[in-house]
PDB file of N, CA and C in Angstrom:
ATOM      1  N   UNK A   1      90.667 120.016  89.737  1.00  0.00           N
ATOM      2  CA  UNK A   1      92.064 119.737  89.455  1.00  0.00           C
ATOM      3  C   UNK A   1      92.958 120.756  90.162  1.00  0.00           C
ATOM      4  N   UNK A   2      94.189 120.368  90.353  1.00  0.00           N
ATOM      5  CA  UNK A   2      95.127 121.259  91.022  1.00  0.00           C
ATOM      6  C   UNK A   2      95.900 122.063  89.987  1.00  0.00           C
ATOM      7  N   UNK A   3      96.612 123.044  90.461  1.00  0.00           N
ATOM      8  CA  UNK A   3      97.437 123.849  89.582  1.00  0.00           C
ATOM      9  C   UNK A   3      98.842 123.301  89.433  1.00  0.00           C
ATOM     10  N   UNK A   4      99.090 122.097  89.875  1.00  0.00           N
ATOM     11  CA  UNK A   4     100.427 121.499  89.805  1.00  0.00           C
ATOM     12  C   UNK A   4     100.638 120.952  88.392  1.00  0.00           C
ATOM     13  N   UNK A   5     101.690 121.390  87.731  1.00  0.00           N
ATOM     14  CA  UNK A   5     101.915 120.941  86.352  1.00  0.00           C
ATOM     15  C   UNK A   5     102.315 119.473  86.292  1.00  0.00           C
ATOM     16  N   UNK A   6     101.968 118.824  85.174  1.00  0.00           N
ATOM     17  CA  UNK A   6     102.391 117.449  84.946  1.00  0.00           C
ATOM     18  C   UNK A   6     103.910 117.389  84.813  1.00  0.00           C
ATOM     19  N   UNK A   7     104.449 116.194  84.864  1.00  0.00           N
ATOM     20  CA  UNK A   7     105.872 116.007  84.632  1.00  0.00           C
ATOM     21  C   UNK A   7     106.203 116.440  83.202  1.00  0.00           C
ATOM     22  N   UNK A   8     107.299 117.142  83.054  1.00  0.00           N
ATOM     23  CA  UNK A   8     107.738 117.563  81.727  1.00  0.00           C
ATOM     24  C   UNK A   8     108.447 116.403  81.032  1.00  0.00           C
ATOM     25  N   UNK A   9     108.667 116.543  79.742  1.00  0.00           N
ATOM     26  CA  UNK A   9     109.413 115.524  78.992  1.00  0.00           C
ATOM     27  C   UNK A   9     110.826 115.363  79.563  1.00  0.00           C
ATOM     28  N   UNK A  10     111.426 116.455  79.950  1.00  0.00           N
ATOM     29  CA  UNK A  10     112.772 116.396  80.535  1.00  0.00           C
ATOM     30  C   UNK A  10     112.750 115.635  81.860  1.00  0.00           C
ATOM     31  N   UNK A  11     111.760 115.906  82.693  1.00  0.00           N
ATOM     32  CA  UNK A  11     111.651 115.198  83.974  1.00  0.00           C
ATOM     33  C   UNK A  11     111.413 113.710  83.752  1.00  0.00           C
ATOM     34  N   UNK A  12     110.576 113.361  82.793  1.00  0.00           N
ATOM     35  CA  UNK A  12     110.335 111.949  82.484  1.00  0.00           C
ATOM     36  C   UNK A  12     111.625 111.279  82.009  1.00  0.00           C
ATOM     37  N   UNK A  13     112.398 111.991  81.203  1.00  0.00           N
ATOM     38  CA  UNK A  13     113.668 111.458  80.720  1.00  0.00           C
ATOM     39  C   UNK A  13     114.627 111.213  81.881  1.00  0.00           C
ATOM     40  N   UNK A  14     114.709 112.155  82.818  1.00  0.00           N
ATOM     41  CA  UNK A  14     115.602 112.012  83.978  1.00  0.00           C
ATOM     42  C   UNK A  14     115.255 110.734  84.743  1.00  0.00           C
ATOM     43  N   UNK A  15     113.977 110.512  84.982  1.00  0.00           N
ATOM     44  CA  UNK A  15     113.546 109.320  85.718  1.00  0.00           C
ATOM     45  C   UNK A  15     113.869 108.062  84.921  1.00  0.00           C
ATOM     46  N   UNK A  16     113.482 108.029  83.645  1.00  0.00           N
ATOM     47  CA  UNK A  16     113.737 106.845  82.818  1.00  0.00           C
ATOM     48  C   UNK A  16     115.224 106.525  82.733  1.00  0.00           C
ATOM     49  N   UNK A  17     116.049 107.533  82.492  1.00  0.00           N
ATOM     50  CA  UNK A  17     117.497 107.315  82.361  1.00  0.00           C
ATOM     51  C   UNK A  17     118.107 106.827  83.673  1.00  0.00           C
ATOM     52  N   UNK A  18     117.655 107.377  84.788  1.00  0.00           N
ATOM     53  CA  UNK A  18     118.186 106.976  86.095  1.00  0.00           C
ATOM     54  C   UNK A  18     117.798 105.541  86.418  1.00  0.00           C
ATOM     55  N   UNK A  19     116.560 105.171  86.115  1.00  0.00           N
ATOM     56  CA  UNK A  19     116.122 103.793  86.359  1.00  0.00           C
ATOM     57  C   UNK A  19     116.874 102.808  85.466  1.00  0.00           C
ATOM     58  N   UNK A  20     117.084 103.189  84.215  1.00  0.00           N
ATOM     59  CA  UNK A  20     117.822 102.304  83.302  1.00  0.00           C
ATOM     60  C   UNK A  20     119.257 102.110  83.772  1.00  0.00           C
ATOM     61  N   UNK A  21     119.857 103.185  84.258  1.00  0.00           N
ATOM     62  CA  UNK A  21     121.227 103.074  84.775  1.00  0.00           C
ATOM     63  C   UNK A  21     121.266 102.183  86.018  1.00  0.00           C
ATOM     64  N   UNK A  22     120.290 102.325  86.880  1.00  0.00           N
ATOM     65  CA  UNK A  22     120.250 101.554  88.132  1.00  0.00           C
ATOM     66  C   UNK A  22     120.020 100.067  87.883  1.00  0.00           C
ATOM     67  N   UNK A  23     119.056  99.748  87.006  1.00  0.00           N
ATOM     68  CA  UNK A  23     118.653  98.352  86.836  1.00  0.00           C
ATOM     69  C   UNK A  23     119.238  97.680  85.599  1.00  0.00           C
ATOM     70  N   UNK A  24     119.831  98.448  84.689  1.00  0.00           N
ATOM     71  CA  UNK A  24     120.428  97.859  83.497  1.00  0.00           C
ATOM     72  C   UNK A  24     119.434  97.552  82.396  1.00  0.00           C
ATOM     73  N   UNK A  25     118.203  97.993  82.547  1.00  0.00           N
ATOM     74  CA  UNK A  25     117.182  97.808  81.518  1.00  0.00           C
ATOM     75  C   UNK A  25     116.103  98.875  81.695  1.00  0.00           C
ATOM     76  N   UNK A  26     115.312  99.060  80.661  1.00  0.00           N
ATOM     77  CA  UNK A  26     114.213 100.029  80.741  1.00  0.00           C
ATOM     78  C   UNK A  26     113.167  99.516  81.731  1.00  0.00           C
ATOM     79  N   UNK A  27     112.623 100.421  82.511  1.00  0.00           N
ATOM     80  CA  UNK A  27     111.593 100.093  83.500  1.00  0.00           C
ATOM     81  C   UNK A  27     110.306 100.788  83.074  1.00  0.00           C
ATOM     82  N   UNK A  28     109.206 100.053  83.109  1.00  0.00           N
ATOM     83  CA  UNK A  28     107.913 100.649  82.746  1.00  0.00           C
ATOM     84  C   UNK A  28     107.460 101.598  83.854  1.00  0.00           C
ATOM     85  N   UNK A  29     107.339 102.862  83.505  1.00  0.00           N
ATOM     86  CA  UNK A  29     106.902 103.881  84.445  1.00  0.00           C
ATOM     87  C   UNK A  29     105.535 104.373  83.992  1.00  0.00           C
ATOM     88  N   UNK A  30     104.581 104.361  84.905  1.00  0.00           N
ATOM     89  CA  UNK A  30     103.232 104.813  84.579  1.00  0.00           C
ATOM     90  C   UNK A  30     102.964 106.156  85.237  1.00  0.00           C
ATOM     91  N   UNK A  31     102.247 107.002  84.521  1.00  0.00           N
ATOM     92  CA  UNK A  31     101.827 108.280  85.084  1.00  0.00           C
ATOM     93  C   UNK A  31     100.491 108.082  85.780  1.00  0.00           C
ATOM     94  N   UNK A  32     100.331 108.747  86.911  1.00  0.00           N
ATOM     95  CA  UNK A  32      99.121 108.613  87.710  1.00  0.00           C
ATOM     96  C   UNK A  32      98.860 109.931  88.438  1.00  0.00           C
ATOM     97  N   UNK A  33      97.774 109.979  89.152  1.00  0.00           N
ATOM     98  CA  UNK A  33      97.477 111.097  90.043  1.00  0.00           C
ATOM     99  C   UNK A  33      97.344 110.536  91.450  1.00  0.00           C
ATOM    100  N   UNK A  34      97.842 111.281  92.423  1.00  0.00           N
ATOM    101  CA  UNK A  34      97.707 110.905  93.827  1.00  0.00           C
ATOM    102  C   UNK A  34      97.153 112.094  94.596  1.00  0.00           C
ATOM    103  N   UNK A  35      96.510 111.807  95.697  1.00  0.00           N
ATOM    104  CA  UNK A  35      96.025 112.870  96.571  1.00  0.00           C
ATOM    105  C   UNK A  35      96.960 112.964  97.768  1.00  0.00           C
ATOM    106  N   UNK A  36      97.487 114.156  97.988  1.00  0.00           N
ATOM    107  CA  UNK A  36      98.430 114.372  99.080  1.00  0.00           C
ATOM    108  C   UNK A  36      98.040 115.600  99.880  1.00  0.00           C
ATOM    109  N   UNK A  37      98.384 115.565 101.135  1.00  0.00           N
ATOM    110  CA  UNK A  37      98.250 116.757 101.974  1.00  0.00           C
ATOM    111  C   UNK A  37      99.559 117.520 101.843  1.00  0.00           C
ATOM    112  N   UNK A  38      99.507 118.663 101.184  1.00  0.00           N
ATOM    113  CA  UNK A  38     100.722 119.422 100.925  1.00  0.00           C
ATOM    114  C   UNK A  38     101.156 120.261 102.112  1.00  0.00           C
ATOM    115  N   UNK A  39     100.200 120.657 102.942  1.00  0.00           N
ATOM    116  CA  UNK A  39     100.490 121.474 104.118  1.00  0.00           C
ATOM    117  C   UNK A  39      99.905 120.753 105.326  1.00  0.00           C
ATOM    118  N   UNK A  40     100.735 120.356 106.296  1.00  0.00           N
ATOM    119  CA  UNK A  40     100.220 119.622 107.464  1.00  0.00           C
ATOM    120  C   UNK A  40      99.146 120.385 108.233  1.00  0.00           C
ATOM    121  N   UNK A  41      99.128 121.706 108.125  1.00  0.00           N
ATOM    122  CA  UNK A  41      98.154 122.516 108.855  1.00  0.00           C
ATOM    123  C   UNK A  41      96.806 122.595 108.141  1.00  0.00           C
ATOM    124  N   UNK A  42      96.765 122.152 106.891  1.00  0.00           N
ATOM    125  CA  UNK A  42      95.536 122.219 106.101  1.00  0.00           C
ATOM    126  C   UNK A  42      95.073 120.802 105.788  1.00  0.00           C
ATOM    127  N   UNK A  43      93.856 120.435 106.191  1.00  0.00           N
ATOM    128  CA  UNK A  43      93.408 119.059 105.983  1.00  0.00           C
ATOM    129  C   UNK A  43      93.060 118.717 104.530  1.00  0.00           C
ATOM    130  N   UNK A  44      93.001 119.700 103.671  1.00  0.00           N
ATOM    131  CA  UNK A  44      92.616 119.483 102.280  1.00  0.00           C
ATOM    132  C   UNK A  44      93.670 118.673 101.528  1.00  0.00           C
ATOM    133  N   UNK A  45      93.193 117.713 100.740  1.00  0.00           N
ATOM    134  CA  UNK A  45      94.082 116.931  99.887  1.00  0.00           C
ATOM    135  C   UNK A  45      94.151 117.574  98.510  1.00  0.00           C
ATOM    136  N   UNK A  46      95.321 117.539  97.905  1.00  0.00           N
ATOM    137  CA  UNK A  46      95.524 118.089  96.563  1.00  0.00           C
ATOM    138  C   UNK A  46      95.840 116.943  95.608  1.00  0.00           C
ATOM    139  N   UNK A  47      95.323 117.035  94.405  1.00  0.00           N
ATOM    140  CA  UNK A  47      95.655 116.067  93.368  1.00  0.00           C
ATOM    141  C   UNK A  47      97.003 116.458  92.788  1.00  0.00           C
ATOM    142  N   UNK A  48      97.932 115.503  92.796  1.00  0.00           N
ATOM    143  CA  UNK A  48      99.291 115.748  92.308  1.00  0.00           C
ATOM    144  C   UNK A  48      99.658 114.694  91.271  1.00  0.00           C
ATOM    145  N   UNK A  49     100.374 115.087  90.219  1.00  0.00           N
ATOM    146  CA  UNK A  49     100.855 114.085  89.261  1.00  0.00           C
ATOM    147  C   UNK A  49     101.911 113.206  89.918  1.00  0.00           C
ATOM    148  N   UNK A  50     101.944 111.950  89.500  1.00  0.00           N
ATOM    149  CA  UNK A  50     102.892 111.001  90.087  1.00  0.00           C
ATOM    150  C   UNK A  50     103.397 110.048  89.017  1.00  0.00           C
ATOM    151  N   UNK A  51     104.540 109.486  89.285  1.00  0.00           N
ATOM    152  CA  UNK A  51     105.102 108.408  88.479  1.00  0.00           C
ATOM    153  C   UNK A  51     105.175 107.180  89.363  1.00  0.00           C
ATOM    154  N   UNK A  52     104.778 106.043  88.814  1.00  0.00           N
ATOM    155  CA  UNK A  52     104.686 104.798  89.581  1.00  0.00           C
ATOM    156  C   UNK A  52     105.395 103.696  88.795  1.00  0.00           C
ATOM    157  N   UNK A  53     106.194 102.885  89.500  1.00  0.00           N
ATOM    158  CA  UNK A  53     106.813 101.736  88.862  1.00  0.00           C
ATOM    159  C   UNK A  53     107.058 100.661  89.898  1.00  0.00           C
ATOM    160  N   UNK A  54     107.295  99.438  89.408  1.00  0.00           N
ATOM    161  CA  UNK A  54     107.624  98.304  90.271  1.00  0.00           C
ATOM    162  C   UNK A  54     108.914  97.691  89.767  1.00  0.00           C
ATOM    163  N   UNK A  55     109.750  97.326  90.710  1.00  0.00           N
ATOM    164  CA  UNK A  55     111.010  96.678  90.361  1.00  0.00           C
ATOM    165  C   UNK A  55     111.515  95.924  91.589  1.00  0.00           C
ATOM    166  N   UNK A  56     111.975  94.705  91.375  1.00  0.00           N
ATOM    167  CA  UNK A  56     112.576  93.886  92.432  1.00  0.00           C
ATOM    168  C   UNK A  56     111.674  93.715  93.654  1.00  0.00           C
ATOM    169  N   UNK A  57     110.384  93.535  93.404  1.00  0.00           N
ATOM    170  CA  UNK A  57     109.446  93.283  94.491  1.00  0.00           C
ATOM    171  C   UNK A  57     108.984  94.511  95.246  1.00  0.00           C
ATOM    172  N   UNK A  58     109.443  95.688  94.831  1.00  0.00           N
ATOM    173  CA  UNK A  58     109.044  96.928  95.504  1.00  0.00           C
ATOM    174  C   UNK A  58     108.252  97.806  94.542  1.00  0.00           C
ATOM    175  N   UNK A  59     107.323  98.568  95.098  1.00  0.00           N
ATOM    176  CA  UNK A  59     106.610  99.580  94.338  1.00  0.00           C
ATOM    177  C   UNK A  59     107.179 100.943  94.687  1.00  0.00           C
ATOM    178  N   UNK A  60     107.171 101.849  93.740  1.00  0.00           N
ATOM    179  CA  UNK A  60     107.733 103.182  93.925  1.00  0.00           C
ATOM    180  C   UNK A  60     106.707 104.224  93.496  1.00  0.00           C
ATOM    181  N   UNK A  61     106.641 105.320  94.242  1.00  0.00           N
ATOM    182  CA  UNK A  61     105.789 106.451  93.884  1.00  0.00           C
ATOM    183  C   UNK A  61     106.622 107.721  94.003  1.00  0.00           C
ATOM    184  N   UNK A  62     106.662 108.469  92.924  1.00  0.00           N
ATOM    185  CA  UNK A  62     107.358 109.751  92.882  1.00  0.00           C
ATOM    186  C   UNK A  62     106.308 110.803  92.531  1.00  0.00           C
ATOM    187  N   UNK A  63     106.036 111.707  93.442  1.00  0.00           N
ATOM    188  CA  UNK A  63     104.984 112.709  93.263  1.00  0.00           C
ATOM    189  C   UNK A  63     105.576 114.083  93.026  1.00  0.00           C
ATOM    190  N   UNK A  64     104.934 114.806  92.141  1.00  0.00           N
ATOM    191  CA  UNK A  64     105.316 116.194  91.892  1.00  0.00           C
ATOM    192  C   UNK A  64     104.339 117.066  92.661  1.00  0.00           C
ATOM    193  N   UNK A  65     104.856 117.857  93.592  1.00  0.00           N
ATOM    194  CA  UNK A  65     103.985 118.643  94.474  1.00  0.00           C
ATOM    195  C   UNK A  65     104.069 120.141  94.185  1.00  0.00           C
ATOM    196  N   UNK A  66     104.778 120.503  93.125  1.00  0.00           N
ATOM    197  CA  UNK A  66     104.913 121.897  92.707  1.00  0.00           C
ATOM    198  C   UNK A  66     106.024 121.999  91.688  1.00  0.00           C
ATOM    199  N   UNK A  67     106.303 123.216  91.226  1.00  0.00           N
ATOM    200  CA  UNK A  67     107.419 123.410  90.307  1.00  0.00           C
ATOM    201  C   UNK A  67     108.718 123.059  91.015  1.00  0.00           C
ATOM    202  N   UNK A  68     109.436 122.070  90.478  1.00  0.00           N
ATOM    203  CA  UNK A  68     110.697 121.613  91.066  1.00  0.00           C
ATOM    204  C   UNK A  68     110.552 121.215  92.534  1.00  0.00           C
ATOM    205  N   UNK A  69     109.444 120.562  92.848  1.00  0.00           N
ATOM    206  CA  UNK A  69     109.215 120.051  94.207  1.00  0.00           C
ATOM    207  C   UNK A  69     108.676 118.630  94.084  1.00  0.00           C
ATOM    208  N   UNK A  70     109.356 117.691  94.753  1.00  0.00           N
ATOM    209  CA  UNK A  70     109.037 116.280  94.592  1.00  0.00           C
ATOM    210  C   UNK A  70     109.043 115.562  95.941  1.00  0.00           C
ATOM    211  N   UNK A  71     108.205 114.533  96.036  1.00  0.00           N
ATOM    212  CA  UNK A  71     108.181 113.626  97.184  1.00  0.00           C
ATOM    213  C   UNK A  71     108.262 112.206  96.648  1.00  0.00           C
ATOM    214  N   UNK A  72     108.809 111.302  97.463  1.00  0.00           N
ATOM    215  CA  UNK A  72     108.946 109.932  96.986  1.00  0.00           C
ATOM    216  C   UNK A  72     108.835 108.935  98.130  1.00  0.00           C
ATOM    217  N   UNK A  73     108.498 107.709  97.752  1.00  0.00           N
ATOM    218  CA  UNK A  73     108.469 106.606  98.711  1.00  0.00           C
ATOM    219  C   UNK A  73     108.517 105.296  97.949  1.00  0.00           C
ATOM    220  N   UNK A  74     108.881 104.240  98.659  1.00  0.00           N
ATOM    221  CA  UNK A  74     108.777 102.896  98.098  1.00  0.00           C
ATOM    222  C   UNK A  74     108.071 102.029  99.120  1.00  0.00           C
ATOM    223  N   UNK A  75     107.547 100.899  98.636  1.00  0.00           N
ATOM    224  CA  UNK A  75     106.765 100.047  99.522  1.00  0.00           C
ATOM    225  C   UNK A  75     106.809  98.605  99.035  1.00  0.00           C
ATOM    226  N   UNK A  76     106.553  97.712  99.975  1.00  0.00           N
ATOM    227  CA  UNK A  76     106.413  96.300  99.667  1.00  0.00           C
ATOM    228  C   UNK A  76     104.980  95.848  99.906  1.00  0.00           C
ATOM    229  N   UNK A  77     104.310  96.495 100.841  1.00  0.00           N
ATOM    230  CA  UNK A  77     102.910  96.206 101.169  1.00  0.00           C
ATOM    231  C   UNK A  77     102.340  97.428 101.881  1.00  0.00           C
ATOM    232  N   UNK A  78     101.088  97.357 102.247  1.00  0.00           N
ATOM    233  CA  UNK A  78     100.459  98.464 102.973  1.00  0.00           C
ATOM    234  C   UNK A  78     101.185  98.719 104.290  1.00  0.00           C
ATOM    235  N   UNK A  79     101.683  97.664 104.908  1.00  0.00           N
ATOM    236  CA  UNK A  79     102.378  97.794 106.203  1.00  0.00           C
ATOM    237  C   UNK A  79     103.848  98.157 106.072  1.00  0.00           C
ATOM    238  N   UNK A  80     104.410  97.938 104.909  1.00  0.00           N
ATOM    239  CA  UNK A  80     105.831  98.223 104.695  1.00  0.00           C
ATOM    240  C   UNK A  80     105.990  99.343 103.675  1.00  0.00           C
ATOM    241  N   UNK A  81     105.947 100.588 104.168  1.00  0.00           N
ATOM    242  CA  UNK A  81     106.116 101.773 103.330  1.00  0.00           C
ATOM    243  C   UNK A  81     107.268 102.598 103.885  1.00  0.00           C
ATOM    244  N   UNK A  82     108.112 103.097 102.977  1.00  0.00           N
ATOM    245  CA  UNK A  82     109.307 103.796 103.404  1.00  0.00           C
ATOM    246  C   UNK A  82     109.526 105.068 102.595  1.00  0.00           C
ATOM    247  N   UNK A  83     109.957 106.100 103.277  1.00  0.00           N
ATOM    248  CA  UNK A  83     110.391 107.331 102.630  1.00  0.00           C
ATOM    249  C   UNK A  83     111.888 107.472 102.819  1.00  0.00           C
ATOM    250  N   UNK A  84     112.427 108.535 102.300  1.00  0.00           N
ATOM    251  CA  UNK A  84     113.869 108.750 102.382  1.00  0.00           C
ATOM    252  C   UNK A  84     114.277 109.480 103.658  1.00  0.00           C
ATOM    253  N   UNK A  85     113.298 109.973 104.404  1.00  0.00           N
ATOM    254  CA  UNK A  85     113.603 110.768 105.591  1.00  0.00           C
ATOM    255  C   UNK A  85     113.623 112.254 105.290  1.00  0.00           C
ATOM    256  N   UNK A  86     113.555 112.587 104.023  1.00  0.00           N
ATOM    257  CA  UNK A  86     113.489 113.987 103.606  1.00  0.00           C
ATOM    258  C   UNK A  86     112.097 114.208 103.032  1.00  0.00           C
ATOM    259  N   UNK A  87     111.386 115.192 103.568  1.00  0.00           N
ATOM    260  CA  UNK A  87     109.985 115.349 103.186  1.00  0.00           C
ATOM    261  C   UNK A  87     109.793 115.822 101.749  1.00  0.00           C
ATOM    262  N   UNK A  88     110.745 116.589 101.225  1.00  0.00           N
ATOM    263  CA  UNK A  88     110.557 117.133  99.888  1.00  0.00           C
ATOM    264  C   UNK A  88     111.912 117.456  99.253  1.00  0.00           C
ATOM    265  N   UNK A  89     111.995 117.288  97.956  1.00  0.00           N
ATOM    266  CA  UNK A  89     113.216 117.572  97.192  1.00  0.00           C
ATOM    267  C   UNK A  89     112.937 118.683  96.186  1.00  0.00           C
ATOM    268  N   UNK A  90     113.956 119.513  95.932  1.00  0.00           N
ATOM    269  CA  UNK A  90     113.833 120.529  94.891  1.00  0.00           C
ATOM    270  C   UNK A  90     114.673 120.155  93.666  1.00  0.00           C
ATOM    271  N   UNK A  91     115.244 118.953  93.690  1.00  0.00           N
ATOM    272  CA  UNK A  91     116.039 118.443  92.580  1.00  0.00           C
ATOM    273  C   UNK A  91     115.562 117.023  92.272  1.00  0.00           C
ATOM    274  N   UNK A  92     115.003 116.827  91.086  1.00  0.00           N
ATOM    275  CA  UNK A  92     114.426 115.535  90.731  1.00  0.00           C
ATOM    276  C   UNK A  92     115.463 114.418  90.751  1.00  0.00           C
ATOM    277  N   UNK A  93     116.632 114.654  90.171  1.00  0.00           N
ATOM    278  CA  UNK A  93     117.656 113.608  90.141  1.00  0.00           C
ATOM    279  C   UNK A  93     118.060 113.202  91.554  1.00  0.00           C
ATOM    280  N   UNK A  94     118.264 114.163  92.427  1.00  0.00           N
ATOM    281  CA  UNK A  94     118.605 113.863  93.819  1.00  0.00           C
ATOM    282  C   UNK A  94     117.507 113.017  94.475  1.00  0.00           C
ATOM    283  N   UNK A  95     116.257 113.344  94.185  1.00  0.00           N
ATOM    284  CA  UNK A  95     115.123 112.609  94.743  1.00  0.00           C
ATOM    285  C   UNK A  95     115.136 111.153  94.284  1.00  0.00           C
ATOM    286  N   UNK A  96     115.281 110.931  92.987  1.00  0.00           N
ATOM    287  CA  UNK A  96     115.257 109.571  92.443  1.00  0.00           C
ATOM    288  C   UNK A  96     116.451 108.765  92.941  1.00  0.00           C
ATOM    289  N   UNK A  97     117.632 109.355  92.932  1.00  0.00           N
ATOM    290  CA  UNK A  97     118.833 108.645  93.382  1.00  0.00           C
ATOM    291  C   UNK A  97     118.721 108.281  94.864  1.00  0.00           C
ATOM    292  N   UNK A  98     118.255 109.201  95.687  1.00  0.00           N
ATOM    293  CA  UNK A  98     118.090 108.914  97.123  1.00  0.00           C
ATOM    294  C   UNK A  98     117.089 107.781  97.336  1.00  0.00           C
ATOM    295  N   UNK A  99     115.995 107.811  96.599  1.00  0.00           N
ATOM    296  CA  UNK A  99     114.969 106.766  96.711  1.00  0.00           C
ATOM    297  C   UNK A  99     115.535 105.409  96.313  1.00  0.00           C
ATOM    298  N   UNK A 100     116.221 105.345  95.188  1.00  0.00           N
ATOM    299  CA  UNK A 100     116.776 104.074  94.715  1.00  0.00           C
ATOM    300  C   UNK A 100     117.869 103.545  95.640  1.00  0.00           C
ATOM    301  N   UNK A 101     118.696 104.427  96.164  1.00  0.00           N
ATOM    302  CA  UNK A 101     119.754 104.007  97.091  1.00  0.00           C
ATOM    303  C   UNK A 101     119.154 103.457  98.376  1.00  0.00           C
ATOM    304  N   UNK A 102     118.175 104.150  98.927  1.00  0.00           N
ATOM    305  CA  UNK A 102     117.546 103.687 100.162  1.00  0.00           C
ATOM    306  C   UNK A 102     116.870 102.338  99.955  1.00  0.00           C
ATOM    307  N   UNK A 103     116.196 102.174  98.830  1.00  0.00           N
ATOM    308  CA  UNK A 103     115.530 100.894  98.565  1.00  0.00           C
ATOM    309  C   UNK A 103     116.563  99.784  98.395  1.00  0.00           C
ATOM    310  N   UNK A 104     117.669 100.060  97.712  1.00  0.00           N
ATOM    311  CA  UNK A 104     118.718  99.046  97.535  1.00  0.00           C
ATOM    312  C   UNK A 104     119.314  98.647  98.883  1.00  0.00           C
ATOM    313  N   UNK A 105     119.549  99.617  99.743  1.00  0.00           N
ATOM    314  CA  UNK A 105     120.059  99.326 101.089  1.00  0.00           C
ATOM    315  C   UNK A 105     119.056  98.489 101.869  1.00  0.00           C
ATOM    316  N   UNK A 106     117.793  98.840 101.758  1.00  0.00           N
ATOM    317  CA  UNK A 106     116.746  98.111 102.463  1.00  0.00           C
ATOM    318  C   UNK A 106     116.624  96.690 101.924  1.00  0.00           C
ATOM    319  N   UNK A 107     116.719  96.541 100.608  1.00  0.00           N
ATOM    320  CA  UNK A 107     116.665  95.221  99.983  1.00  0.00           C
ATOM    321  C   UNK A 107     117.807  94.341 100.484  1.00  0.00           C
ATOM    322  N   UNK A 108     119.000  94.896 100.590  1.00  0.00           N
ATOM    323  CA  UNK A 108     120.157  94.144 101.077  1.00  0.00           C
ATOM    324  C   UNK A 108     119.942  93.686 102.519  1.00  0.00           C
ATOM    325  N   UNK A 109     119.391  94.553 103.359  1.00  0.00           N
ATOM    326  CA  UNK A 109     119.116  94.182 104.753  1.00  0.00           C
ATOM    327  C   UNK A 109     118.062  93.089 104.831  1.00  0.00           C
ATOM    328  N   UNK A 110     117.042  93.177 103.983  1.00  0.00           N
ATOM    329  CA  UNK A 110     115.985  92.158 103.970  1.00  0.00           C
ATOM    330  C   UNK A 110     116.562  90.807 103.596  1.00  0.00           C
ATOM    331  N   UNK A 111     117.478  90.793 102.626  1.00  0.00           N
ATOM    332  CA  UNK A 111     118.079  89.526 102.191  1.00  0.00           C
ATOM    333  C   UNK A 111     118.977  88.941 103.270  1.00  0.00           C
ATOM    334  N   UNK A 112     119.661  89.794 104.049  1.00  0.00           N
ATOM    335  CA  UNK A 112     120.503  89.298 105.152  1.00  0.00           C
ATOM    336  C   UNK A 112     119.651  88.656 106.234  1.00  0.00           C
ATOM    337  N   UNK A 113     118.449  89.174 106.428  1.00  0.00           N
ATOM    338  CA  UNK A 113     117.578  88.674 107.502  1.00  0.00           C
ATOM    339  C   UNK A 113     116.795  87.433 107.116  1.00  0.00           C
ATOM    340  N   UNK A 114     116.934  86.972 105.880  1.00  0.00           N
ATOM    341  CA  UNK A 114     116.172  85.778 105.457  1.00  0.00           C
ATOM    342  C   UNK A 114     116.934  84.526 105.741  1.00  0.00           C
TER     343      UNK A 114
END
């Protein structure tokens, strides 16, 4: 196991409240573990706690990679995976809001192209 702490109750609340505000209803968020390469120079993968949810046809993964350090992405399939363009956040709320905004923008573009 890694030394990365699990999400705190406060962090879980921040995510739940932000998702409820965004979608207008409670979203089922599951806790999971993911393996990530934390340092590009080191090939070793680390087990990191993560939060996973699905909404509006997209899957979301929010990983905790250290104390007040987070990574995020959303996806539609194995071939369609997107990040925010920022490799890591030190503010959980900023991370979640950026992820949700980018996905909403992407969703709007997808609907225009249909």
